Amino acid sequence: MPEIFTLLNSLGISYTLHKHPPVFTCSEADKYWANTTAAHTKNLFLKTEKSPHKYFLYILECSQRADLKSLAKSLNLPSRLTFANNTELKNNLGLTPGSVSPFGLINDQNHLVTVAISSQLQTKSYLLFHPNTNTATLEISWENFKKFLSHTGHNYKLITTSKP
């Protein structure tokens, strides 16, 4: 976790750190986010159903339902999307279940993960993400989040398929 703070500080990216007990779902985390207007996000680590697998990090608001069939169509994929397993999560993003975060992209040196972001998030001033652990949450501006993605070399695709 300290690695991400060092990186953000070196890039001049400001953030607010919110510490809390471990949380694994948006509903568990809601009580810790009650006093912020930042967008509450969930991050899904996905893969194509058929080999060779392609990997995706899908970022959307907690209030949105992820429509994986529509997402696959939006990404022009020949096969359906499914959740990647724990080993794939660890190997690609260096993360464990419950701590999935775009900040794990610092571990994707070979750029094997495609980032898909709900278009609704670009209208939000601030976003909430785990800093690669589920015992804290970072509040970061949309502009600074894009700066972080640019630093990692990950482009992103805006997706409009999420159902509310």
Protein backbone atom coordinates (compact mmCIF):
# COMPACT_ATOMS: atom_id res chain seq x y z
CA MET A 1 0.00 0.00 0.00
CA PRO A 2 2.72 2.59 0.75
CA GLU A 3 3.94 2.19 -2.85
CA ILE A 4 0.78 3.78 -4.22
CA PHE A 5 1.06 6.74 -1.84
CA THR A 6 4.69 7.28 -2.84
CA LEU A 7 3.71 7.24 -6.51
CA LEU A 8 0.74 9.60 -6.10
CA ASN A 9 2.85 12.02 -4.07
CA SER A 10 5.66 11.94 -6.66
CA LEU A 11 3.13 12.74 -9.41
CA GLY A 12 1.73 15.66 -7.42
CA ILE A 13 -1.65 13.94 -7.19
CA SER A 14 -3.64 15.05 -4.18
CA TYR A 15 -5.99 12.68 -2.38
CA THR A 16 -7.80 12.23 0.90
CA LEU A 17 -7.23 9.01 2.81
CA HIS A 18 -10.15 7.43 4.69
CA LYS A 19 -9.14 4.55 6.98
CA HIS A 20 -11.73 1.97 8.06
CA PRO A 21 -12.10 -1.70 9.02
CA PRO A 22 -11.83 -4.23 6.14
CA VAL A 23 -14.75 -4.04 3.69
CA PHE A 24 -15.50 -6.44 0.85
CA THR A 25 -18.63 -4.96 -0.73
CA CYS A 26 -20.10 -1.57 -1.50
CA SER A 27 -22.88 -2.13 1.02
CA GLU A 28 -20.32 -2.81 3.76
CA ALA A 29 -18.42 0.36 2.85
CA ASP A 30 -21.43 2.69 2.57
CA LYS A 31 -21.38 3.69 6.23
CA TYR A 32 -17.77 4.88 5.92
CA TRP A 33 -18.59 6.96 2.83
CA ALA A 34 -21.67 8.69 4.26
CA ASN A 35 -19.95 12.06 4.70
CA THR A 36 -18.51 12.43 1.22
CA THR A 37 -20.06 13.47 -2.08
CA ALA A 38 -17.45 11.51 -4.05
CA ALA A 39 -18.69 8.73 -6.33
CA HIS A 40 -18.71 5.36 -4.61
CA THR A 41 -17.12 2.93 -7.06
CA LYS A 42 -16.86 -0.78 -7.54
CA ASN A 43 -14.09 -2.37 -9.56
CA LEU A 44 -14.63 -5.67 -11.35
CA PHE A 45 -11.71 -7.73 -12.65
CA LEU A 46 -12.99 -9.64 -15.67
CA LYS A 47 -11.73 -11.86 -18.46
CA THR A 48 -12.99 -13.19 -21.75
CA GLU A 49 -14.62 -16.57 -21.37
CA LYS A 50 -12.57 -18.25 -24.10
CA SER A 51 -8.79 -18.62 -24.30
CA PRO A 52 -6.57 -16.87 -24.93
CA HIS A 53 -8.04 -14.73 -22.15
CA LYS A 54 -8.08 -10.96 -22.33
CA TYR A 55 -8.37 -9.09 -19.02
CA PHE A 56 -10.47 -6.05 -18.12
CA LEU A 57 -10.88 -3.78 -15.12
CA TYR A 58 -14.42 -2.43 -15.19
CA ILE A 59 -14.98 0.61 -12.98
CA LEU A 60 -18.51 1.78 -12.25
CA GLU A 61 -20.59 3.40 -9.53
CA CYS A 62 -21.72 1.15 -6.72
CA SER A 63 -25.32 2.01 -7.57
CA GLN A 64 -24.94 0.67 -11.11
CA ARG A 65 -25.59 -2.90 -12.17
CA ALA A 66 -22.85 -4.36 -14.35
CA ASP A 67 -24.30 -5.71 -17.58
CA LEU A 68 -21.45 -7.97 -18.72
CA LYS A 69 -23.18 -8.99 -21.94
CA SER A 70 -23.54 -5.37 -23.06
CA LEU A 71 -20.02 -4.60 -21.85
CA ALA A 72 -18.60 -7.39 -24.04
CA LYS A 73 -20.50 -5.96 -27.03
CA SER A 74 -19.23 -2.44 -26.29
CA LEU A 75 -15.68 -3.78 -26.22
CA ASN A 76 -16.24 -5.69 -29.50
CA LEU A 77 -15.34 -9.01 -27.88
CA PRO A 78 -16.00 -12.32 -29.63
CA SER A 79 -16.84 -14.10 -26.37
CA ARG A 80 -18.63 -13.41 -23.11
CA LEU A 81 -17.01 -11.87 -20.05
CA THR A 82 -16.69 -13.67 -16.75
CA PHE A 83 -14.99 -12.88 -13.46
CA ALA A 84 -11.27 -13.64 -13.36
CA ASN A 85 -10.13 -15.98 -10.60
CA ASN A 86 -8.03 -15.07 -7.57
CA THR A 87 -4.79 -16.28 -9.17
CA GLU A 88 -5.37 -14.16 -12.28
CA LEU A 89 -6.15 -11.16 -10.08
CA LYS A 90 -2.91 -11.65 -8.14
CA ASN A 91 -0.82 -12.29 -11.29
CA ASN A 92 -2.15 -9.31 -13.25
CA LEU A 93 -2.83 -6.61 -10.66
CA GLY A 94 -1.00 -7.92 -7.59
CA LEU A 95 -4.26 -7.77 -5.63
CA THR A 96 -6.48 -10.03 -3.56
CA PRO A 97 -10.29 -10.27 -3.53
CA GLY A 98 -11.92 -7.35 -1.73
CA SER A 99 -9.12 -4.96 -2.64
CA VAL A 100 -9.63 -4.69 -6.41
CA SER A 101 -8.65 -1.18 -7.42
CA PRO A 102 -7.37 0.72 -10.44
CA PHE A 103 -4.27 1.46 -8.36
CA GLY A 104 -3.33 -2.19 -8.96
CA LEU A 105 -2.56 -1.15 -12.55
CA ILE A 106 0.91 -0.14 -11.31
CA ASN A 107 1.57 -3.90 -11.23
CA ASP A 108 0.40 -4.45 -14.83
CA GLN A 109 3.75 -3.60 -16.41
CA ASN A 110 2.92 -5.49 -19.63
CA HIS A 111 -0.41 -3.70 -20.09
CA LEU A 112 -2.43 -6.91 -20.27
CA VAL A 113 -5.43 -5.27 -18.60
CA THR A 114 -7.83 -3.03 -20.52
CA VAL A 115 -9.57 -0.39 -18.42
CA ALA A 116 -13.29 0.19 -18.99
CA ILE A 117 -14.97 3.02 -17.08
CA SER A 118 -18.66 3.79 -16.80
CA SER A 119 -19.29 7.06 -18.62
CA GLN A 120 -21.29 8.26 -15.59
CA LEU A 121 -18.06 8.57 -13.60
CA GLN A 122 -16.64 11.28 -15.88
CA THR A 123 -19.37 13.60 -14.62
CA LYS A 124 -18.23 13.19 -11.00
CA SER A 125 -15.74 15.56 -9.42
CA TYR A 126 -14.30 12.97 -7.04
CA LEU A 127 -14.05 9.18 -6.97
CA LEU A 128 -13.43 6.66 -4.19
CA PHE A 129 -11.03 3.71 -4.63
CA HIS A 130 -9.20 1.33 -2.33
CA PRO A 131 -5.42 1.99 -2.26
CA ASN A 132 -4.77 -1.72 -3.04
CA THR A 133 -6.09 -2.74 0.38
CA ASN A 134 -9.65 -2.90 1.68
CA THR A 135 -8.82 -1.20 4.99
CA ALA A 136 -8.75 2.28 3.48
CA THR A 137 -10.28 4.34 0.70
CA LEU A 138 -8.73 7.15 -1.32
CA GLU A 139 -10.79 10.09 -2.49
CA ILE A 140 -9.28 11.41 -5.71
CA SER A 141 -10.47 13.88 -8.34
CA TRP A 142 -11.50 12.63 -11.79
CA GLU A 143 -8.73 14.78 -13.30
CA ASN A 144 -6.08 13.32 -10.99
CA PHE A 145 -7.37 9.82 -11.64
CA LYS A 146 -6.87 10.38 -15.39
CA LYS A 147 -3.37 11.64 -14.61
CA PHE A 148 -2.66 8.40 -12.70
CA LEU A 149 -3.94 6.27 -15.60
CA SER A 150 -1.79 8.23 -18.03
CA HIS A 151 1.26 7.60 -15.85
CA THR A 152 0.63 3.84 -15.88
CA GLY A 153 0.29 3.90 -19.66
CA HIS A 154 -3.25 2.53 -19.52
CA ASN A 155 -5.78 4.05 -21.84
CA TYR A 156 -9.41 3.68 -20.88
CA LYS A 157 -12.67 3.18 -22.70
CA LEU A 158 -15.81 4.96 -21.54
CA ILE A 159 -18.76 2.57 -21.40
CA THR A 160 -22.44 3.52 -21.44
CA THR A 161 -23.93 0.05 -20.98
CA SER A 162 -24.28 -0.10 -17.19
CA LYS A 163 -27.83 -0.42 -15.97
CA PRO A 164 -28.83 1.76 -12.99
